[in-house]
Each structure stands twice: as C-alpha cells, then as structure tokens.
C-alpha cells in the first residue's frame, strides 16, 4: 500500500525548514479546523474532519526528527517494511531500499543518521482556540477571559509517570541506552540496523511503580483560564499567539503555544476592507439634486457630511480617519460612503401633479449624462 506524501499534504518542499513546515501546518489547520465548519452540511463536516486529521498526522511525522528521518529514508515513519515477495519497501527501484539500510549500518559507526532520540526534549503541541467577537469589540479591542483544556505534566510524579518520580529500573532490553540493534537477514547477508527500544519507548528506564495520579502517563489534562488583551483593529480569521500556554512539552521541552483564532461578526451597517469601512447611504432625490448636509453614524459618534449639489447615484464620498485603527500603528483607516439615490415608487395624484410641474422646469436644466448618451446615439444613427 502506497504511503501518502506528507510534504504534498502540507504543501511544502522536501527541503523545507521546520519553521516552514510549522507555518504551513498552522495555515492548513486554521483552514480545515472542524470548528470552522460547525454550521456546514454533514458531508462538509466529515470532509473537514478527515482533512484536519490528515494534516495533523502529516505534521506529527515531519515535525518529529526521528520520524521524519525514517520517512525520508523509507517512505514510512515506521522504518523499512519487508515484503517476502518484493523485498524492502522504499525508493531505489528494484534494489528495495538497500541503500537506506546501508545508511543505517554506517550510522552505527558514528554517522548522523540517528542523532535524534525518543527521550530528547521536545516542544509541546500548540492549541488552537476560537474567540468570537462583535464588530465593535474587534474595532476597539477588549480584554477577555478564556477557558480551555490543555495537557500538563503531572506534578505528583514530575511528569515521569513513576510514583514520586523515582520508581524506575534500568531497561533490561537496551541496557538503559533507549535504542537497540536488530539483525535482518537479506539476500546480501545480515544487515544490522538501530531502532528505538520498544520496551522502554526510548527512555532507557522502566517504571516499577506507576503514579496513581496520572496512571503512569506522566501527563494530565487540566482546565486553564487565561486573560487575553485583544488589540484594537483585529480582523476576522486573524490569529494571535500566546506563547507557552499550549500543551506541556516532552522530556523537559518547552510548552507549546496557544493559537487564538478570531471570528468577527458582521455589522448591520458597516463592512470592512483592511482598515477602511464602507457603508451605503440612501438619500432623497431632492437632496441629490439640491445638495445639503446630513448626519451619519460612525463607530465612535455621529458626523455631519456635505452632499454636493447634483450628486449622482453610486458616487462615493470619503470621511477621513473614521475607519478602523491600524494594528501596528496609531493611524486609522477611512470611512467610505456609497450614495444610493432613493426614488419613490408610489406617488398619489397630488404628488404626481406637483412633480410634473417641477419637472417641466427641470427639462431645461443641463443633464450631463443624458447629453453624452444622446451625442453617442446620434453618431451611431449616422453610421
């Protein structure tokens, strides 16, 4: 069975750095997180769940130095797989991956093939948490207390899984080294490879008496409360990293991070593009023709603006500095007003007569767009 291409799943090159792999994972995890599809169809929810799991698995392999090394060599994070009919699986065509086995053999004599150890310190996993904000909360900023669940090292056993953190004995299978050598018989003879000890999982130690608090796992799940200061100007789907608030690290490694993903509710009147705000302003025909001033709402206060005489439908006016605060600067975006000339649909007899009388006077006025159209129409007619 062919292994999936984890690099392709994360959309990164095989020579990508750990930072690039982590960045690609975060981007895809944010896109396919099941919470994002909570209101979608069951089919879409299922698709998102499967995709998210696929992304997580790919990242779990490529972010682990030992698993990544095996995957790069053998096409599987579990190392070389032997099929009695086909030989060892992996690249190198009909040679069945023997070149990789030679690499393992040479690594036993001081090579760098297995520098990573299962008991090496490793950073904990990140936690993603969605925060829902109103439009105003995102615009002005707010302090929120959030509660979430995370994995922490067991205090009773200091994260070891052993009672009082001391109930250990040396692993008899690996002699405390955490790795063992395995002889494999092939058509070329006996090949010696090195792998993580499966008895002690690479720690070199066996627990003799389990911690009763964590049942020997060394880690427990706890509820955590954090106060988050959300800056003014945060936008929908933007992320904020709270360092060190993720799951506990492994073997003394640092905690992962808490990744906050913001979901901002739409506003009834304003819509946002970058730091600028846009709104539609319906005005009466009389105001469009004669011009005048009108008060409009903004996020902070009501502002009086001038409607120029002869304003056409679709004209956009700008009110400087009444947009959203820039996240990194003290400046603000602008408010853009789209004019919508509202033409009445139902007129009574009296209104119609008054309108006809006034329109007869307006017929002699200058209609710029009508005149342009008539000029073009006359040119077409002559042709």
Foldseek 3Di string as FASTA:
>chain_A
DAADDLCVLLVHDLPDDLVSSVVSLVVLCLVLPLVVCVPPDPVSSVVSVVSNVSSVVSNVQCNAPQQVLQCVQAVGSVHWDQDPVQGTHGDPPSVNRVVSLVVQQVVVVVDPSPPDFQLDWFEADEAEDEDEAEPLCQQAWDKDKDKDKAKEFDPQLRLQQAGNVPQKDFDPVPRLQQKDWDWDQDPVGTGIGMDGDPVVRRRRIDGPHGHPVVNSRRMDMDMDMDIDTNHHNDDAQDKDKDQQPHYDIGNPYTYHIYIYTYHYDDDPAWDDDRQEIEGEDEDEPVCLAQWDWDWDQASPGIDIDTRDHNHDQQDKDKDAQRTGADRVDRGGGIYIYGYHHDDDDDDDPVRVVVVVVVVVVVVPPDDPVVVVVVVVVVVVVVD
